[in-house]
PDB file of all heavy atoms in Angstrom:
ATOM      1  N   ASP A   1      36.165  -4.323 -11.581  1.00  0.00           N
ATOM      2  CA  ASP A   1      37.132  -5.371 -11.892  1.00  0.00           C
ATOM      3  C   ASP A   1      38.088  -5.632 -10.653  1.00  0.00           C
ATOM      4  O   ASP A   1      38.423  -6.820 -10.422  1.00  0.00           O
ATOM      5  CB  ASP A   1      38.011  -5.008 -13.069  1.00  0.00           C
ATOM      6  CG  ASP A   1      37.202  -5.100 -14.355  1.00  0.00           C
ATOM      7  OD1 ASP A   1      36.158  -5.747 -14.389  1.00  0.00           O
ATOM      8  OD2 ASP A   1      37.644  -4.431 -15.333  1.00  0.00           O
ATOM      9  N   TYR A   2      38.366  -4.657  -9.845  1.00  0.00           N
ATOM     10  CA  TYR A   2      39.324  -4.778  -8.771  1.00  0.00           C
ATOM     11  C   TYR A   2      38.722  -5.471  -7.582  1.00  0.00           C
ATOM     12  O   TYR A   2      39.529  -5.729  -6.649  1.00  0.00           O
ATOM     13  CB  TYR A   2      39.990  -3.422  -8.377  1.00  0.00           C
ATOM     14  CG  TYR A   2      38.974  -2.368  -8.156  1.00  0.00           C
ATOM     15  CD1 TYR A   2      38.296  -2.243  -6.973  1.00  0.00           C
ATOM     16  CD2 TYR A   2      38.621  -1.407  -9.193  1.00  0.00           C
ATOM     17  CE1 TYR A   2      37.356  -1.179  -6.750  1.00  0.00           C
ATOM     18  CE2 TYR A   2      37.766  -0.353  -8.976  1.00  0.00           C
ATOM     19  CZ  TYR A   2      37.120  -0.290  -7.743  1.00  0.00           C
ATOM     20  OH  TYR A   2      36.180   0.703  -7.527  1.00  0.00           O
ATOM     21  N   VAL A   3      37.461  -5.711  -7.574  1.00  0.00           N
ATOM     22  CA  VAL A   3      36.866  -6.444  -6.466  1.00  0.00           C
ATOM     23  C   VAL A   3      36.204  -7.784  -6.850  1.00  0.00           C
ATOM     24  O   VAL A   3      35.763  -8.577  -5.975  1.00  0.00           O
ATOM     25  CB  VAL A   3      35.836  -5.618  -5.639  1.00  0.00           C
ATOM     26  CG1 VAL A   3      36.413  -4.282  -5.212  1.00  0.00           C
ATOM     27  CG2 VAL A   3      34.562  -5.377  -6.557  1.00  0.00           C
ATOM     28  N   LYS A   4      36.177  -8.059  -8.127  1.00  0.00           N
ATOM     29  CA  LYS A   4      35.525  -9.319  -8.633  1.00  0.00           C
ATOM     30  C   LYS A   4      36.220 -10.520  -7.979  1.00  0.00           C
ATOM     31  O   LYS A   4      37.397 -10.639  -7.944  1.00  0.00           O
ATOM     32  CB  LYS A   4      35.587  -9.456 -10.156  1.00  0.00           C
ATOM     33  CG  LYS A   4      34.588  -8.516 -10.889  1.00  0.00           C
ATOM     34  CD  LYS A   4      34.797  -8.698 -12.401  1.00  0.00           C
ATOM     35  CE  LYS A   4      33.732  -7.824 -13.126  1.00  0.00           C
ATOM     36  NZ  LYS A   4      33.878  -7.955 -14.530  1.00  0.00           N
ATOM     37  N   GLY A   5      35.478 -11.442  -7.446  1.00  0.00           N
ATOM     38  CA  GLY A   5      35.943 -12.635  -6.859  1.00  0.00           C
ATOM     39  C   GLY A   5      36.308 -12.473  -5.372  1.00  0.00           C
ATOM     40  O   GLY A   5      36.575 -13.420  -4.659  1.00  0.00           O
ATOM     41  N   ARG A   6      36.298 -11.188  -4.904  1.00  0.00           N
ATOM     42  CA  ARG A   6      36.566 -10.950  -3.493  1.00  0.00           C
ATOM     43  C   ARG A   6      35.447 -10.354  -2.713  1.00  0.00           C
ATOM     44  O   ARG A   6      35.190 -10.697  -1.585  1.00  0.00           O
ATOM     45  CB  ARG A   6      37.803  -9.960  -3.350  1.00  0.00           C
ATOM     46  CG  ARG A   6      39.058 -10.493  -4.047  1.00  0.00           C
ATOM     47  CD  ARG A   6      40.259  -9.616  -3.692  1.00  0.00           C
ATOM     48  NE  ARG A   6      40.124  -8.246  -4.262  1.00  0.00           N
ATOM     49  CZ  ARG A   6      40.112  -7.195  -3.403  1.00  0.00           C
ATOM     50  NH1 ARG A   6      40.251  -7.198  -2.094  1.00  0.00           N
ATOM     51  NH2 ARG A   6      39.932  -5.969  -3.975  1.00  0.00           N
ATOM     52  N   PHE A   7      34.645  -9.537  -3.369  1.00  0.00           N
ATOM     53  CA  PHE A   7      33.492  -8.847  -2.756  1.00  0.00           C
ATOM     54  C   PHE A   7      32.237  -9.483  -3.323  1.00  0.00           C
ATOM     55  O   PHE A   7      32.127  -9.791  -4.483  1.00  0.00           O
ATOM     56  CB  PHE A   7      33.505  -7.293  -3.090  1.00  0.00           C
ATOM     57  CG  PHE A   7      34.649  -6.615  -2.399  1.00  0.00           C
ATOM     58  CD1 PHE A   7      35.674  -7.215  -1.784  1.00  0.00           C
ATOM     59  CD2 PHE A   7      34.542  -5.201  -2.416  1.00  0.00           C
ATOM     60  CE1 PHE A   7      36.710  -6.447  -1.133  1.00  0.00           C
ATOM     61  CE2 PHE A   7      35.647  -4.452  -1.826  1.00  0.00           C
ATOM     62  CZ  PHE A   7      36.667  -5.121  -1.258  1.00  0.00           C
ATOM     63  N   THR A   8      31.245  -9.514  -2.434  1.00  0.00           N
ATOM     64  CA  THR A   8      29.887  -9.947  -2.820  1.00  0.00           C
ATOM     65  C   THR A   8      28.828  -9.046  -2.251  1.00  0.00           C
ATOM     66  O   THR A   8      28.830  -8.802  -0.967  1.00  0.00           O
ATOM     67  CB  THR A   8      29.672 -11.446  -2.302  1.00  0.00           C
ATOM     68  OG1 THR A   8      30.649 -12.222  -2.833  1.00  0.00           O
ATOM     69  CG2 THR A   8      28.295 -11.888  -2.853  1.00  0.00           C
ATOM     70  N   MET A   9      27.995  -8.450  -3.100  1.00  0.00           N
ATOM     71  CA  MET A   9      26.856  -7.711  -2.575  1.00  0.00           C
ATOM     72  C   MET A   9      25.574  -8.496  -2.625  1.00  0.00           C
ATOM     73  O   MET A   9      25.336  -9.297  -3.560  1.00  0.00           O
ATOM     74  CB  MET A   9      26.707  -6.471  -3.484  1.00  0.00           C
ATOM     75  CG  MET A   9      25.612  -5.467  -3.107  1.00  0.00           C
ATOM     76  SD  MET A   9      25.602  -3.875  -3.968  1.00  0.00           S
ATOM     77  CE  MET A   9      25.067  -4.501  -5.582  1.00  0.00           C
ATOM     78  N   SER A  10      24.844  -8.377  -1.523  1.00  0.00           N
ATOM     79  CA  SER A  10      23.549  -9.040  -1.343  1.00  0.00           C
ATOM     80  C   SER A  10      22.583  -8.227  -0.629  1.00  0.00           C
ATOM     81  O   SER A  10      22.882  -7.062  -0.197  1.00  0.00           O
ATOM     82  CB  SER A  10      23.816 -10.371  -0.614  1.00  0.00           C
ATOM     83  OG  SER A  10      24.208 -10.103   0.625  1.00  0.00           O
ATOM     84  N   ARG A  11      21.352  -8.555  -0.620  1.00  0.00           N
ATOM     85  CA  ARG A  11      20.306  -7.779   0.006  1.00  0.00           C
ATOM     86  C   ARG A  11      19.389  -8.716   0.759  1.00  0.00           C
ATOM     87  O   ARG A  11      19.146  -9.881   0.441  1.00  0.00           O
ATOM     88  CB  ARG A  11      19.545  -6.985  -1.090  1.00  0.00           C
ATOM     89  CG  ARG A  11      18.587  -7.809  -1.867  1.00  0.00           C
ATOM     90  CD  ARG A  11      18.201  -7.111  -3.205  1.00  0.00           C
ATOM     91  NE  ARG A  11      19.196  -7.599  -4.172  1.00  0.00           N
ATOM     92  CZ  ARG A  11      18.934  -7.496  -5.498  1.00  0.00           C
ATOM     93  NH1 ARG A  11      17.832  -7.012  -5.983  1.00  0.00           N
ATOM     94  NH2 ARG A  11      19.828  -7.943  -6.391  1.00  0.00           N
ATOM     95  N   ASP A  12      18.765  -8.199   1.770  1.00  0.00           N
ATOM     96  CA  ASP A  12      17.723  -8.795   2.522  1.00  0.00           C
ATOM     97  C   ASP A  12      16.534  -7.841   2.469  1.00  0.00           C
ATOM     98  O   ASP A  12      16.473  -6.858   3.289  1.00  0.00           O
ATOM     99  CB  ASP A  12      18.130  -9.057   3.972  1.00  0.00           C
ATOM    100  CG  ASP A  12      17.121  -9.901   4.753  1.00  0.00           C
ATOM    101  OD1 ASP A  12      15.898  -9.864   4.507  1.00  0.00           O
ATOM    102  OD2 ASP A  12      17.562 -10.662   5.646  1.00  0.00           O
ATOM    103  N   ASN A  13      15.622  -8.087   1.645  1.00  0.00           N
ATOM    104  CA  ASN A  13      14.461  -7.225   1.452  1.00  0.00           C
ATOM    105  C   ASN A  13      13.534  -7.202   2.671  1.00  0.00           C
ATOM    106  O   ASN A  13      12.919  -6.123   2.926  1.00  0.00           O
ATOM    107  CB  ASN A  13      13.696  -7.634   0.158  1.00  0.00           C
ATOM    108  CG  ASN A  13      14.418  -7.320  -1.148  1.00  0.00           C
ATOM    109  OD1 ASN A  13      15.258  -6.483  -1.172  1.00  0.00           O
ATOM    110  ND2 ASN A  13      14.243  -8.144  -2.120  1.00  0.00           N
ATOM    111  N   ALA A  14      13.460  -8.269   3.342  1.00  0.00           N
ATOM    112  CA  ALA A  14      12.602  -8.354   4.502  1.00  0.00           C
ATOM    113  C   ALA A  14      13.135  -7.485   5.630  1.00  0.00           C
ATOM    114  O   ALA A  14      12.378  -6.855   6.438  1.00  0.00           O
ATOM    115  CB  ALA A  14      12.428  -9.780   4.955  1.00  0.00           C
ATOM    116  N   LYS A  15      14.451  -7.408   5.752  1.00  0.00           N
ATOM    117  CA  LYS A  15      15.087  -6.619   6.796  1.00  0.00           C
ATOM    118  C   LYS A  15      15.457  -5.171   6.294  1.00  0.00           C
ATOM    119  O   LYS A  15      16.047  -4.344   7.085  1.00  0.00           O
ATOM    120  CB  LYS A  15      16.385  -7.205   7.352  1.00  0.00           C
ATOM    121  CG  LYS A  15      15.953  -8.627   8.116  1.00  0.00           C
ATOM    122  CD  LYS A  15      17.261  -9.280   8.659  1.00  0.00           C
ATOM    123  CE  LYS A  15      16.938 -10.490   9.412  1.00  0.00           C
ATOM    124  NZ  LYS A  15      18.185 -11.106   9.945  1.00  0.00           N
ATOM    125  N   ASN A  16      15.294  -4.963   5.024  1.00  0.00           N
ATOM    126  CA  ASN A  16      15.674  -3.666   4.378  1.00  0.00           C
ATOM    127  C   ASN A  16      17.232  -3.383   4.609  1.00  0.00           C
ATOM    128  O   ASN A  16      17.521  -2.274   5.032  1.00  0.00           O
ATOM    129  CB  ASN A  16      14.856  -2.533   4.920  1.00  0.00           C
ATOM    130  CG  ASN A  16      13.345  -2.674   4.512  1.00  0.00           C
ATOM    131  OD1 ASN A  16      13.107  -2.992   3.381  1.00  0.00           O
ATOM    132  ND2 ASN A  16      12.500  -2.502   5.450  1.00  0.00           N
ATOM    133  N   ILE A  17      18.003  -4.320   4.302  1.00  0.00           N
ATOM    134  CA  ILE A  17      19.505  -4.150   4.477  1.00  0.00           C
ATOM    135  C   ILE A  17      20.169  -4.577   3.184  1.00  0.00           C
ATOM    136  O   ILE A  17      19.897  -5.655   2.700  1.00  0.00           O
ATOM    137  CB  ILE A  17      19.994  -5.033   5.702  1.00  0.00           C
ATOM    138  CG1 ILE A  17      19.370  -4.558   7.042  1.00  0.00           C
ATOM    139  CG2 ILE A  17      21.540  -4.880   5.815  1.00  0.00           C
ATOM    140  CD1 ILE A  17      19.767  -5.350   8.151  1.00  0.00           C
ATOM    141  N   LEU A  18      21.147  -3.806   2.776  1.00  0.00           N
ATOM    142  CA  LEU A  18      22.053  -4.136   1.694  1.00  0.00           C
ATOM    143  C   LEU A  18      23.388  -4.482   2.306  1.00  0.00           C
ATOM    144  O   LEU A  18      23.894  -3.678   3.030  1.00  0.00           O
ATOM    145  CB  LEU A  18      22.140  -2.981   0.657  1.00  0.00           C
ATOM    146  CG  LEU A  18      23.080  -3.189  -0.529  1.00  0.00           C
ATOM    147  CD1 LEU A  18      22.349  -4.174  -1.508  1.00  0.00           C
ATOM    148  CD2 LEU A  18      23.317  -1.823  -1.252  1.00  0.00           C
ATOM    149  N   TYR A  19      23.970  -5.546   1.877  1.00  0.00           N
ATOM    150  CA  TYR A  19      25.265  -5.975   2.448  1.00  0.00           C
ATOM    151  C   TYR A  19      26.365  -5.953   1.417  1.00  0.00           C
ATOM    152  O   TYR A  19      26.155  -6.064   0.160  1.00  0.00           O
ATOM    153  CB  TYR A  19      25.192  -7.470   2.893  1.00  0.00           C
ATOM    154  CG  TYR A  19      24.206  -7.696   4.015  1.00  0.00           C
ATOM    155  CD1 TYR A  19      22.951  -8.280   3.798  1.00  0.00           C
ATOM    156  CD2 TYR A  19      24.502  -7.451   5.336  1.00  0.00           C
ATOM    157  CE1 TYR A  19      22.080  -8.560   4.778  1.00  0.00           C
ATOM    158  CE2 TYR A  19      23.643  -7.631   6.344  1.00  0.00           C
ATOM    159  CZ  TYR A  19      22.463  -8.202   6.120  1.00  0.00           C
ATOM    160  OH  TYR A  19      21.544  -8.407   7.148  1.00  0.00           O
ATOM    161  N   LEU A  20      27.604  -5.816   1.876  1.00  0.00           N
ATOM    162  CA  LEU A  20      28.806  -5.954   1.052  1.00  0.00           C
ATOM    163  C   LEU A  20      29.809  -6.856   1.881  1.00  0.00           C
ATOM    164  O   LEU A  20      30.339  -6.384   2.804  1.00  0.00           O
ATOM    165  CB  LEU A  20      29.417  -4.621   0.747  1.00  0.00           C
ATOM    166  CG  LEU A  20      30.658  -4.696  -0.192  1.00  0.00           C
ATOM    167  CD1 LEU A  20      30.289  -5.198  -1.528  1.00  0.00           C
ATOM    168  CD2 LEU A  20      31.348  -3.314  -0.235  1.00  0.00           C
ATOM    169  N   GLN A  21      29.894  -8.052   1.424  1.00  0.00           N
ATOM    170  CA  GLN A  21      30.877  -9.038   2.007  1.00  0.00           C
ATOM    171  C   GLN A  21      32.186  -8.803   1.310  1.00  0.00           C
ATOM    172  O   GLN A  21      32.273  -8.973   0.102  1.00  0.00           O
ATOM    173  CB  GLN A  21      30.410 -10.428   1.886  1.00  0.00           C
ATOM    174  CG  GLN A  21      31.382 -11.474   2.397  1.00  0.00           C
ATOM    175  CD  GLN A  21      31.534 -11.396   3.978  1.00  0.00           C
ATOM    176  OE1 GLN A  21      30.526 -11.334   4.670  1.00  0.00           O
ATOM    177  NE2 GLN A  21      32.742 -11.433   4.425  1.00  0.00           N
ATOM    178  N   MET A  22      33.207  -8.519   2.110  1.00  0.00           N
ATOM    179  CA  MET A  22      34.545  -8.239   1.521  1.00  0.00           C
ATOM    180  C   MET A  22      35.517  -9.229   2.098  1.00  0.00           C
ATOM    181  O   MET A  22      35.756  -9.345   3.316  1.00  0.00           O
ATOM    182  CB  MET A  22      34.974  -6.781   1.886  1.00  0.00           C
ATOM    183  CG  MET A  22      33.983  -5.718   1.458  1.00  0.00           C
ATOM    184  SD  MET A  22      34.611  -4.039   1.856  1.00  0.00           S
ATOM    185  CE  MET A  22      34.763  -4.077   3.633  1.00  0.00           C
ATOM    186  N   ASN A  23      36.115 -10.016   1.194  1.00  0.00           N
ATOM    187  CA  ASN A  23      37.103 -11.060   1.558  1.00  0.00           C
ATOM    188  C   ASN A  23      38.391 -10.734   0.916  1.00  0.00           C
ATOM    189  O   ASN A  23      38.494 -10.028  -0.079  1.00  0.00           O
ATOM    190  CB  ASN A  23      36.588 -12.409   1.120  1.00  0.00           C
ATOM    191  CG  ASN A  23      35.300 -12.829   1.760  1.00  0.00           C
ATOM    192  OD1 ASN A  23      35.102 -12.563   2.890  1.00  0.00           O
ATOM    193  ND2 ASN A  23      34.446 -13.536   0.993  1.00  0.00           N
ATOM    194  N   ASN A  24      39.544 -11.371   1.464  1.00  0.00           N
ATOM    195  CA  ASN A  24      40.814 -11.165   0.966  1.00  0.00           C
ATOM    196  C   ASN A  24      41.096  -9.704   0.728  1.00  0.00           C
ATOM    197  O   ASN A  24      41.560  -9.310  -0.363  1.00  0.00           O
ATOM    198  CB  ASN A  24      40.991 -11.940  -0.346  1.00  0.00           C
ATOM    199  CG  ASN A  24      42.471 -12.021  -0.767  1.00  0.00           C
ATOM    200  OD1 ASN A  24      43.323 -11.926   0.023  1.00  0.00           O
ATOM    201  ND2 ASN A  24      42.707 -12.277  -2.130  1.00  0.00           N
TER     202      ASN A  24
END
């Protein structure tokens, strides 16, 4: 709950990378 709307998790399966975009 404390990161909803601010953080976004995504993945690139081709590059084998998991991301966490952190805003605000």
